[in-house]
Amino acid sequence: GLPTGATGSFSPNPATTSSTLSVTTATTTPAGTYTVTITGTSGTLTHTATVSLVVLAADFTMAPSPASRTVNQGSPTTYGITISPTNGFAGQVDLSVTGLPTGATGSFSPNPATTSSTLSVTTATTTPAGTYTVTITGVSGTLTHTATVSLVVLAADFTMTSTPSSQTVAQGGATSYGVTISPTNGFSGQVSLSVSGLPTGAIGTFTPNPATTSSTMAVTTISTTPAGTYALTITGVSGSLTHTSTVSLTVARPGVTFDNAVTSGFQWSVTSASTPAFTIGSGANRAAMIMVSMSANNATGMTASLGGVPATLVPGTDSGTTASVRTMIFQVINPPSGSQTATVSWTTSMHVVVSVMTVAAANQTTPVTNGTFVAVNTAPSSATSLAIASTPGDLTASVAYTTDAWVTPYTNQTLTWGPASGATAGDRGAGTGTTTHTWTDAWAFQTISISGANFKAF
């Protein structure tokens, strides 16, 4: 009843009281449960007894660790494999792997193995990102076992940020943004940069380009680039990867800049008045206001000039006969630079103050706009305000005349000339949408006239 390959022997044999049956199996003895019959014979006497023999198959188990690995494209990783013999297994196990993604290779060391081995997996930069089930197979003779592990391949990538989020530049000016490239999952490529959304006449360049970690985008505008706010899209491309970031670009008009001012002071009982010679700067797109304060309101035939350039009355600024005193503003387009004099002439003798304010970067078609005035013979309050419409980048100005005297603070804007004999002065203020010029008299119920206008930016 012994299975194939098994042998049995008794000691002692023959026996009188006891004996030991030794059973030896071969490695090829089939596993199973066998009924073994022991027979004892003495002369004509024969007896039998049965025992059970269970033959277990030699085998092994296989356990990889860890159960999952994560790797960047183009990078390697490893798994450990433990081989555990059972039922006397002492063979070698040949190992192999399947299920690896495209471009990945796997090798075992040692192979074949008896107790343990290491699986080394190497991915390529082109190995597709994803999660893969990898099957490890161990074979020894007729024995085959498998185990699975997970391989997660992360795509090499990059992120891109731009700072600052917004820049403001004057027409014809330049500005810059920083671009930061941050690699993820082992990315080591170069990124080619471009920009879209620039306004007309503006150009954007990157240094360096392509870039690996950072670049600077320089934006240059021209004088005719339209003012406004623009959304710029910065695009970074590396192979099949594309990322964008957005920034804001505000193109502003250059803004009017104050140049110089002069006043004649009071000229008594005259029909013409001139300022002292003063220097007009050489800034581009010059303009001037000639501000006139008169002790009476009946002058006619008025003419004005600056440096030989005729001036024109700014609409809305002449207070006329609204009050017994009078103010008005003339404009001059692009007066000559250098030492110049302004002259105003009229009929009917009276006391007059002629003053001039010059600027640069003003509009050259209509440099002075939004003329307005307030005039009253009996001011109800000591403080009188004049609101002048404007736009950021403009420069507003006013001339104020009182039959009494202005007191400090003379205005809530910037005093630019005067007060001449305390009675007349001029100021300027930045364009804000609406700029208010407030003048304070020593007393209420005085006769006042205030004229104002706006230098429009180029």
Protein backbone atom coordinates (compact mmCIF):
# COMPACT_ATOMS: atom_id res chain seq x y z
CA GLY A 1 0.00 0.00 0.00
CA LEU A 2 3.00 2.34 -0.06
CA PRO A 3 2.85 5.04 -2.78
CA THR A 4 5.18 5.13 -5.76
CA GLY A 5 8.77 5.82 -4.79
CA ALA A 6 8.22 5.00 -1.13
CA THR A 7 9.94 2.11 0.63
CA GLY A 8 9.36 0.50 4.00
CA SER A 9 11.57 -1.60 6.32
CA PHE A 10 11.11 -3.18 9.80
CA SER A 11 13.59 -3.29 12.64
CA PRO A 12 13.93 -5.90 14.02
CA ASN A 13 12.45 -8.27 11.54
CA PRO A 14 11.44 -10.92 12.49
CA ALA A 15 10.34 -9.61 15.82
CA THR A 16 8.98 -11.17 18.99
CA THR A 17 7.40 -8.31 20.85
CA SER A 18 7.84 -5.14 18.80
CA SER A 19 9.31 -3.71 15.64
CA THR A 20 9.59 -0.30 13.94
CA LEU A 21 8.38 0.29 10.37
CA SER A 22 10.48 2.95 8.68
CA VAL A 23 8.90 4.52 5.56
CA THR A 24 11.00 6.60 3.18
CA THR A 25 9.43 8.66 0.39
CA ALA A 26 11.07 10.04 -2.75
CA THR A 27 10.79 13.64 -3.98
CA THR A 28 8.69 12.18 -6.77
CA THR A 29 6.34 10.35 -4.45
CA PRO A 30 2.87 11.62 -5.26
CA ALA A 31 1.21 13.64 -2.56
CA GLY A 32 -1.85 12.04 -1.11
CA THR A 33 -3.30 9.89 1.68
CA TYR A 34 -2.49 6.17 1.54
CA THR A 35 -3.72 3.13 3.50
CA VAL A 36 -0.68 0.99 4.35
CA THR A 37 -1.24 -2.67 5.34
CA ILE A 38 1.25 -4.28 7.72
CA THR A 39 1.25 -8.13 7.57
CA GLY A 40 2.70 -10.39 10.26
CA THR A 41 3.31 -14.15 9.56
CA SER A 42 4.43 -16.95 11.93
CA GLY A 43 4.10 -20.46 10.58
CA THR A 44 0.51 -20.94 9.59
CA LEU A 45 -0.53 -17.81 11.44
CA THR A 46 -1.08 -14.53 9.53
CA HIS A 47 -2.42 -11.23 10.82
CA THR A 48 -2.71 -7.73 9.27
CA ALA A 49 -3.09 -4.20 10.51
CA THR A 50 -3.51 -0.92 8.61
CA VAL A 51 -2.12 2.53 9.11
CA SER A 52 -2.57 5.77 7.15
CA LEU A 53 0.28 7.57 5.41
CA VAL A 54 -0.22 11.20 4.31
CA VAL A 55 2.39 12.46 1.84
CA LEU A 56 2.57 16.29 1.58
CA ALA A 57 3.87 18.01 -1.58
CA ALA A 58 7.05 20.12 -1.25
CA ASP A 59 6.08 23.72 -2.21
CA PHE A 60 6.86 27.41 -1.75
CA THR A 61 5.01 30.65 -1.27
CA MET A 62 6.00 34.01 -2.72
CA ALA A 63 5.33 37.44 -1.17
CA PRO A 64 6.44 40.74 -2.77
CA SER A 65 6.74 43.98 -0.86
CA PRO A 66 5.74 46.70 -0.85
CA ALA A 67 2.38 46.15 -2.49
CA SER A 68 2.67 49.39 -4.49
CA ARG A 69 5.41 51.71 -5.72
CA THR A 70 5.15 55.19 -7.24
CA VAL A 71 7.79 56.36 -9.68
CA ASN A 72 8.38 59.36 -11.93
CA GLN A 73 8.67 58.85 -15.64
CA GLY A 74 12.29 57.97 -16.43
CA SER A 75 13.07 56.85 -12.88
CA PRO A 76 13.64 53.37 -11.31
CA THR A 77 12.14 51.59 -8.33
CA THR A 78 12.39 48.19 -6.64
CA TYR A 79 10.29 45.50 -4.95
CA GLY A 80 11.50 42.78 -2.61
CA ILE A 81 10.32 39.15 -3.16
CA THR A 82 10.40 36.67 -0.30
CA ILE A 83 10.32 32.92 -1.16
CA SER A 84 9.16 30.75 1.73
CA PRO A 85 9.62 26.91 1.38
CA THR A 86 6.92 24.56 2.70
CA ASN A 87 6.96 20.76 3.30
CA GLY A 88 10.68 20.51 2.79
CA PHE A 89 10.90 22.48 -0.46
CA ALA A 90 14.54 23.09 -1.32
CA GLY A 91 14.42 23.94 -5.01
CA GLN A 92 15.30 27.09 -6.92
CA VAL A 93 12.61 29.41 -8.24
CA ASP A 94 12.86 31.05 -11.66
CA LEU A 95 11.29 34.52 -11.59
CA SER A 96 9.68 36.60 -14.37
CA VAL A 97 7.49 39.69 -14.58
CA THR A 98 4.62 40.74 -16.85
CA GLY A 99 2.29 43.74 -17.05
CA LEU A 100 4.97 46.42 -17.13
CA PRO A 101 3.99 49.55 -19.11
CA THR A 102 5.56 50.53 -22.41
CA GLY A 103 9.19 51.52 -22.07
CA ALA A 104 9.60 49.92 -18.63
CA THR A 105 11.88 46.94 -17.97
CA GLY A 106 12.14 44.59 -14.99
CA SER A 107 15.03 42.38 -13.79
CA PHE A 108 15.52 40.09 -10.75
CA SER A 109 18.62 39.67 -8.65
CA PRO A 110 19.35 36.84 -7.98
CA ASN A 111 17.44 34.79 -10.52
CA PRO A 112 16.78 31.92 -9.96
CA ALA A 113 16.42 32.47 -6.23
CA THR A 114 15.90 30.25 -3.19
CA THR A 115 14.74 32.55 -0.39
CA SER A 116 14.59 36.12 -1.72
CA SER A 117 15.16 38.32 -4.75
CA THR A 118 14.88 41.98 -5.73
CA LEU A 119 12.82 43.12 -8.70
CA SER A 120 14.26 46.31 -10.23
CA VAL A 121 11.91 48.25 -12.50
CA THR A 122 13.20 51.05 -14.72
CA THR A 123 10.84 53.37 -16.58
CA ALA A 124 11.56 55.54 -19.62
CA THR A 125 10.75 59.24 -19.95
CA THR A 126 8.17 58.10 -22.53
CA THR A 127 6.55 55.49 -20.27
CA PRO A 128 2.87 56.45 -20.14
CA ALA A 129 1.64 57.77 -16.81
CA GLY A 130 -0.87 55.52 -15.08
CA THR A 131 -1.41 52.73 -12.54
CA TYR A 132 -0.36 49.25 -13.65
CA THR A 133 -0.88 45.77 -12.15
CA VAL A 134 2.42 43.92 -12.41
CA THR A 135 2.44 40.12 -12.14
CA ILE A 136 5.49 38.33 -10.70
CA THR A 137 5.69 34.62 -11.60
CA GLY A 138 7.82 32.05 -9.80
CA VAL A 139 8.42 28.58 -11.35
CA SER A 140 10.19 25.57 -9.87
CA GLY A 141 9.69 22.32 -11.74
CA THR A 142 5.98 21.72 -11.93
CA LEU A 143 5.28 24.34 -9.29
CA THR A 144 4.12 27.80 -10.40
CA HIS A 145 3.03 30.66 -8.21
CA THR A 146 2.19 34.29 -8.95
CA ALA A 147 1.90 37.50 -6.97
CA THR A 148 0.85 40.98 -8.03
CA VAL A 149 2.08 44.44 -7.17
CA SER A 150 0.98 47.90 -8.27
CA LEU A 151 3.21 50.29 -10.20
CA VAL A 152 2.14 53.94 -10.36
CA VAL A 153 3.97 56.01 -13.00
CA LEU A 154 3.67 59.77 -12.54
CA ALA A 155 3.90 62.05 -15.54
CA ALA A 156 6.86 64.43 -15.51
CA ASP A 157 5.34 67.90 -15.60
CA PHE A 158 5.87 71.53 -14.64
CA THR A 159 3.89 74.40 -13.22
CA MET A 160 4.30 78.02 -14.23
CA THR A 161 3.64 81.19 -12.24
CA SER A 162 4.08 84.83 -13.20
CA THR A 163 4.73 87.81 -10.93
CA PRO A 164 3.62 90.41 -10.33
CA SER A 165 0.03 89.77 -11.34
CA SER A 166 -0.29 93.29 -12.72
CA GLN A 167 1.96 96.03 -14.07
CA THR A 168 1.24 99.59 -15.19
CA VAL A 169 3.29 101.29 -17.88
CA ALA A 170 3.03 104.66 -19.58
CA GLN A 171 2.56 104.75 -23.34
CA GLY A 172 6.01 104.38 -24.86
CA GLY A 173 7.41 102.84 -21.68
CA ALA A 174 8.50 99.35 -20.73
CA THR A 175 7.93 96.95 -17.85
CA SER A 176 8.66 93.33 -16.98
CA TYR A 177 7.27 90.22 -15.30
CA GLY A 178 9.06 87.26 -13.74
CA VAL A 179 8.10 83.73 -14.86
CA THR A 180 8.89 80.82 -12.51
CA ILE A 181 8.94 77.24 -13.84
CA SER A 182 8.60 74.56 -11.15
CA PRO A 183 9.30 70.93 -12.18
CA THR A 184 7.14 68.12 -10.81
CA ASN A 185 7.60 64.34 -10.95
CA GLY A 186 11.14 64.54 -12.23
CA PHE A 187 10.57 66.99 -15.07
CA SER A 188 13.87 68.23 -16.46
CA GLY A 189 12.95 69.57 -19.90
CA GLN A 190 13.18 73.04 -21.36
CA VAL A 191 10.07 75.21 -21.67
CA SER A 192 9.50 77.44 -24.70
CA LEU A 193 7.66 80.63 -23.74
CA SER A 194 5.33 82.92 -25.69
CA VAL A 195 2.83 85.66 -24.88
CA SER A 196 -0.51 86.65 -26.39
CA GLY A 197 -2.98 89.45 -25.72
CA LEU A 198 -0.53 92.34 -26.05
CA PRO A 199 -2.06 95.61 -27.25
CA THR A 200 -1.21 97.16 -30.60
CA GLY A 201 2.40 98.29 -30.82
CA ALA A 202 3.54 96.36 -27.76
CA ILE A 203 6.04 93.51 -27.94
CA GLY A 204 7.01 90.90 -25.38
CA THR A 205 10.32 89.05 -25.19
CA PHE A 206 11.57 86.36 -22.79
CA THR A 207 15.10 86.00 -21.42
CA PRO A 208 16.12 83.18 -21.47
CA ASN A 209 13.87 81.36 -23.92
CA PRO A 210 13.55 78.39 -23.74
CA ALA A 211 13.96 78.30 -19.96
CA THR A 212 14.30 75.61 -17.31
CA THR A 213 13.55 77.31 -13.98
CA SER A 214 12.84 81.00 -14.61
CA SER A 215 12.62 83.69 -17.24
CA THR A 216 11.91 87.41 -17.46
CA MET A 217 9.27 88.73 -19.84
CA ALA A 218 10.02 92.28 -20.96
CA VAL A 219 7.08 94.24 -22.41
CA THR A 220 7.77 97.35 -24.45
CA THR A 221 5.07 99.75 -25.66
CA ILE A 222 5.16 102.59 -28.17
CA SER A 223 3.69 106.07 -27.84
CA THR A 224 0.62 105.06 -29.87
CA THR A 225 -0.13 101.87 -27.93
CA PRO A 226 -3.79 102.34 -26.88
CA ALA A 227 -4.32 103.10 -23.22
CA GLY A 228 -6.28 100.42 -21.37
CA THR A 229 -6.00 97.27 -19.31
CA TYR A 230 -5.10 94.04 -21.10
CA ALA A 231 -5.09 90.38 -20.03
CA LEU A 232 -1.83 88.76 -21.19
CA THR A 233 -1.56 84.99 -21.50
CA ILE A 234 1.92 83.51 -21.04
CA THR A 235 2.20 80.02 -22.57
CA GLY A 236 4.89 77.48 -21.75
CA VAL A 237 5.38 74.42 -23.99
CA SER A 238 7.66 71.42 -23.47
CA GLY A 239 6.99 68.48 -25.77
CA SER A 240 3.35 67.52 -25.34
CA LEU A 241 3.02 69.59 -22.15
CA THR A 242 1.43 73.04 -22.29
CA HIS A 243 0.68 75.37 -19.39
CA THR A 244 -0.45 78.98 -19.21
CA SER A 245 -0.55 81.80 -16.69
CA THR A 246 -2.19 85.20 -16.99
CA VAL A 247 -1.09 88.67 -15.95
CA SER A 248 -2.61 92.10 -16.36
CA LEU A 249 -1.00 94.98 -18.24
CA THR A 250 -2.33 98.50 -17.83
CA VAL A 251 -1.14 101.01 -20.43
CA ALA A 252 -1.60 104.56 -19.15
CA ARG A 253 -1.26 107.86 -20.82
CA PRO A 254 2.10 109.38 -19.82
CA GLY A 255 0.40 112.01 -17.68
CA VAL A 256 0.77 115.77 -17.74
CA THR A 257 3.79 117.07 -15.83
CA PHE A 258 4.06 120.55 -14.36
CA ASP A 259 6.86 122.64 -15.86
CA ASN A 260 6.95 126.23 -14.62
CA ALA A 261 4.83 129.22 -13.56
CA VAL A 262 5.16 133.01 -13.45
CA THR A 263 2.98 135.97 -12.46
CA SER A 264 3.07 139.65 -13.36
CA GLY A 265 1.77 140.72 -9.98
CA PHE A 266 -0.81 143.52 -9.94
CA GLN A 267 -0.55 145.94 -12.83
CA TRP A 268 -2.52 149.08 -11.99
CA SER A 269 -4.85 150.89 -14.41
CA VAL A 270 -3.51 149.32 -17.61
CA THR A 271 -4.84 147.99 -20.91
CA SER A 272 -1.97 145.56 -21.40
CA ALA A 273 0.12 143.44 -19.05
CA SER A 274 3.11 141.15 -19.49
CA THR A 275 4.80 138.64 -17.27
CA PRO A 276 8.49 138.76 -16.49
CA ALA A 277 10.57 136.53 -18.77
CA PHE A 278 10.61 132.96 -17.50
CA THR A 279 11.98 129.65 -18.74
CA ILE A 280 9.76 127.10 -20.46
CA GLY A 281 11.26 123.61 -20.36
CA SER A 282 12.04 121.49 -23.41
CA GLY A 283 9.67 118.62 -22.54
CA ALA A 284 7.67 117.15 -25.40
CA ASN A 285 4.05 118.14 -26.06
CA ARG A 286 4.11 121.43 -24.18
CA ALA A 287 1.06 123.51 -23.33
CA ALA A 288 0.27 126.57 -21.23
CA MET A 289 -2.58 128.32 -19.45
CA ILE A 290 -2.53 132.13 -19.38
CA MET A 291 -4.60 133.03 -16.31
CA VAL A 292 -6.10 136.52 -16.13
CA SER A 293 -7.54 138.23 -13.02
CA MET A 294 -9.28 141.59 -13.61
CA SER A 295 -10.64 144.17 -11.15
CA ALA A 296 -13.56 144.97 -13.48
CA ASN A 297 -15.77 142.99 -15.86
CA ASN A 298 -16.00 145.31 -18.86
CA ALA A 299 -12.81 144.56 -20.81
CA THR A 300 -13.31 143.88 -24.53
CA GLY A 301 -11.13 143.01 -27.51
CA MET A 302 -8.90 140.75 -25.45
CA THR A 303 -5.86 139.09 -27.01
CA ALA A 304 -3.19 136.93 -25.39
CA SER A 305 0.07 135.32 -26.48
CA LEU A 306 3.05 133.45 -25.06
CA GLY A 307 6.44 133.52 -26.70
CA GLY A 308 4.85 134.94 -29.84
CA VAL A 309 2.29 132.08 -30.05
CA PRO A 310 -1.33 133.34 -30.02
CA ALA A 311 -3.54 132.05 -27.22
CA THR A 312 -7.21 131.13 -27.42
CA LEU A 313 -9.82 131.54 -24.70
CA VAL A 314 -10.73 128.27 -23.01
CA PRO A 315 -14.51 127.84 -23.32
CA GLY A 316 -16.33 127.97 -20.00
CA THR A 317 -13.61 129.80 -18.07
CA ASP A 318 -14.62 133.45 -18.63
CA SER A 319 -16.72 134.60 -15.69
CA GLY A 320 -17.77 137.66 -17.77
CA THR A 321 -20.21 139.95 -15.98
CA THR A 322 -21.40 137.36 -13.45
CA ALA A 323 -19.57 139.33 -10.75
CA SER A 324 -17.95 142.77 -10.64
CA VAL A 325 -14.52 141.11 -10.89
CA ARG A 326 -13.53 138.77 -13.67
CA THR A 327 -11.28 135.73 -14.28
CA MET A 328 -10.56 133.73 -17.42
CA ILE A 329 -8.02 131.27 -18.86
CA PHE A 330 -6.37 131.17 -22.29
CA GLN A 331 -4.61 128.12 -23.73
CA VAL A 332 -1.41 127.98 -25.77
CA ILE A 333 -0.48 124.89 -27.78
CA ASN A 334 3.21 123.94 -27.78
CA PRO A 335 4.76 127.26 -26.73
CA PRO A 336 8.47 127.61 -27.54
CA SER A 337 10.95 126.48 -24.92
CA GLY A 338 13.51 128.77 -23.33
CA SER A 339 13.07 132.30 -21.99
CA GLN A 340 9.60 133.60 -22.89
CA THR A 341 7.09 136.29 -21.95
CA ALA A 342 3.27 136.27 -21.94
CA THR A 343 1.26 139.36 -22.87
CA VAL A 344 -2.47 140.10 -22.57
CA SER A 345 -4.12 143.21 -24.07
CA TRP A 346 -7.70 144.62 -23.94
CA THR A 347 -9.70 147.85 -23.99
CA THR A 348 -10.75 149.79 -20.90
CA SER A 349 -8.17 150.51 -18.23
CA MET A 350 -8.28 148.40 -15.04
CA HIS A 351 -6.11 146.57 -12.51
CA VAL A 352 -4.92 143.15 -13.81
CA VAL A 353 -2.75 140.19 -12.85
CA VAL A 354 -1.47 137.98 -15.72
CA SER A 355 -0.03 134.60 -14.79
CA VAL A 356 1.17 131.58 -16.75
CA MET A 357 1.42 127.89 -15.97
CA THR A 358 3.29 125.59 -18.38
CA VAL A 359 3.26 121.78 -18.61
CA ALA A 360 4.62 118.92 -20.72
CA ALA A 361 3.00 115.73 -22.09
CA ALA A 362 -0.27 117.50 -22.89
CA ASN A 363 -2.63 116.80 -25.74
CA GLN A 364 -1.61 118.84 -28.77
CA THR A 365 -5.03 119.24 -30.37
CA THR A 366 -6.95 120.63 -27.41
CA PRO A 367 -4.56 120.71 -24.46
CA VAL A 368 -6.94 122.56 -22.10
CA THR A 369 -10.48 121.24 -21.59
CA ASN A 370 -13.44 121.23 -19.19
CA GLY A 371 -13.37 124.96 -18.52
CA THR A 372 -15.59 126.16 -15.68
CA PHE A 373 -15.98 129.06 -13.25
CA VAL A 374 -17.78 130.27 -10.18
CA ALA A 375 -18.32 133.99 -9.55
CA VAL A 376 -20.46 135.89 -7.07
CA ASN A 377 -20.65 139.43 -5.75
CA THR A 378 -21.52 138.36 -2.22
CA ALA A 379 -20.11 134.94 -1.39
CA PRO A 380 -22.28 133.28 1.30
CA SER A 381 -19.26 131.53 2.80
CA SER A 382 -15.62 132.25 3.23
CA ALA A 383 -14.75 128.99 1.42
CA THR A 384 -15.60 128.56 -2.27
CA SER A 385 -15.04 125.35 -4.26
CA LEU A 386 -14.72 124.70 -7.97
CA ALA A 387 -14.97 121.13 -9.33
CA ILE A 388 -13.00 120.44 -12.53
CA ALA A 389 -13.67 117.30 -14.56
CA SER A 390 -10.51 115.34 -15.29
CA THR A 391 -9.04 111.93 -16.04
CA PRO A 392 -6.16 110.18 -14.25
CA GLY A 393 -3.00 111.51 -15.92
CA ASP A 394 -4.49 114.97 -16.43
CA LEU A 395 -3.57 118.09 -14.45
CA THR A 396 -6.21 120.58 -13.30
CA ALA A 397 -5.59 124.24 -12.48
CA SER A 398 -7.54 127.24 -11.22
CA VAL A 399 -7.11 130.99 -10.84
CA ALA A 400 -8.93 132.72 -7.94
CA TYR A 401 -9.61 136.43 -7.35
CA THR A 402 -11.21 138.07 -4.30
CA THR A 403 -11.82 141.69 -3.42
CA ASP A 404 -10.52 140.84 0.06
CA ALA A 405 -7.62 138.40 0.59
CA TRP A 406 -7.13 134.64 0.42
CA VAL A 407 -5.88 133.07 3.64
CA THR A 408 -3.90 129.93 4.41
CA PRO A 409 -4.36 127.25 3.53
CA TYR A 410 -4.96 129.05 0.25
CA THR A 411 -6.26 125.91 -1.47
CA ASN A 412 -6.68 122.17 -0.92
CA GLN A 413 -4.56 121.65 -4.06
CA THR A 414 -0.98 122.80 -4.77
CA LEU A 415 -0.45 126.57 -4.69
CA THR A 416 1.50 127.38 -7.87
CA TRP A 417 1.73 131.19 -7.91
CA GLY A 418 0.61 134.09 -5.69
CA PRO A 419 -1.27 135.20 -3.83
CA ALA A 420 -0.49 138.54 -5.49
CA SER A 421 -1.23 141.23 -2.86
CA GLY A 422 -3.27 138.49 -1.17
CA ALA A 423 -6.11 138.85 -3.68
CA THR A 424 -5.31 136.52 -6.57
CA ALA A 425 -3.46 133.21 -6.92
CA GLY A 426 -3.31 130.01 -8.94
CA ASP A 427 -3.11 126.33 -8.06
CA ARG A 428 -2.91 122.91 -9.68
CA GLY A 429 -4.19 119.42 -8.83
CA ALA A 430 -3.86 115.88 -10.17
CA GLY A 431 -6.58 114.52 -12.42
CA THR A 432 -8.78 112.16 -10.42
CA GLY A 433 -12.07 112.06 -12.33
CA THR A 434 -13.29 115.23 -10.63
CA THR A 435 -10.76 117.47 -8.88
CA THR A 436 -12.07 120.01 -6.39
CA HIS A 437 -10.23 123.30 -5.83
CA THR A 438 -11.28 125.07 -2.63
CA TRP A 439 -10.24 128.65 -1.83
CA THR A 440 -10.78 130.33 1.56
CA ASP A 441 -11.28 134.08 2.00
CA ALA A 442 -10.59 135.94 5.20
CA TRP A 443 -14.30 136.79 5.42
CA ALA A 444 -17.60 135.72 3.96
CA PHE A 445 -19.77 138.00 1.78
CA GLN A 446 -16.84 139.01 -0.48
CA THR A 447 -16.85 139.36 -4.25
CA ILE A 448 -14.96 136.45 -5.79
CA SER A 449 -14.32 134.87 -9.19
CA ILE A 450 -12.62 131.49 -9.73
CA SER A 451 -11.92 129.96 -13.16
CA GLY A 452 -10.56 126.48 -13.72
CA ALA A 453 -9.70 124.04 -16.50
CA ASN A 454 -7.99 120.74 -17.16
CA PHE A 455 -4.68 120.04 -18.92
CA LYS A 456 -5.55 116.94 -20.95
CA ALA A 457 -2.86 114.26 -21.13
CA PHE A 458 -1.23 113.53 -24.47
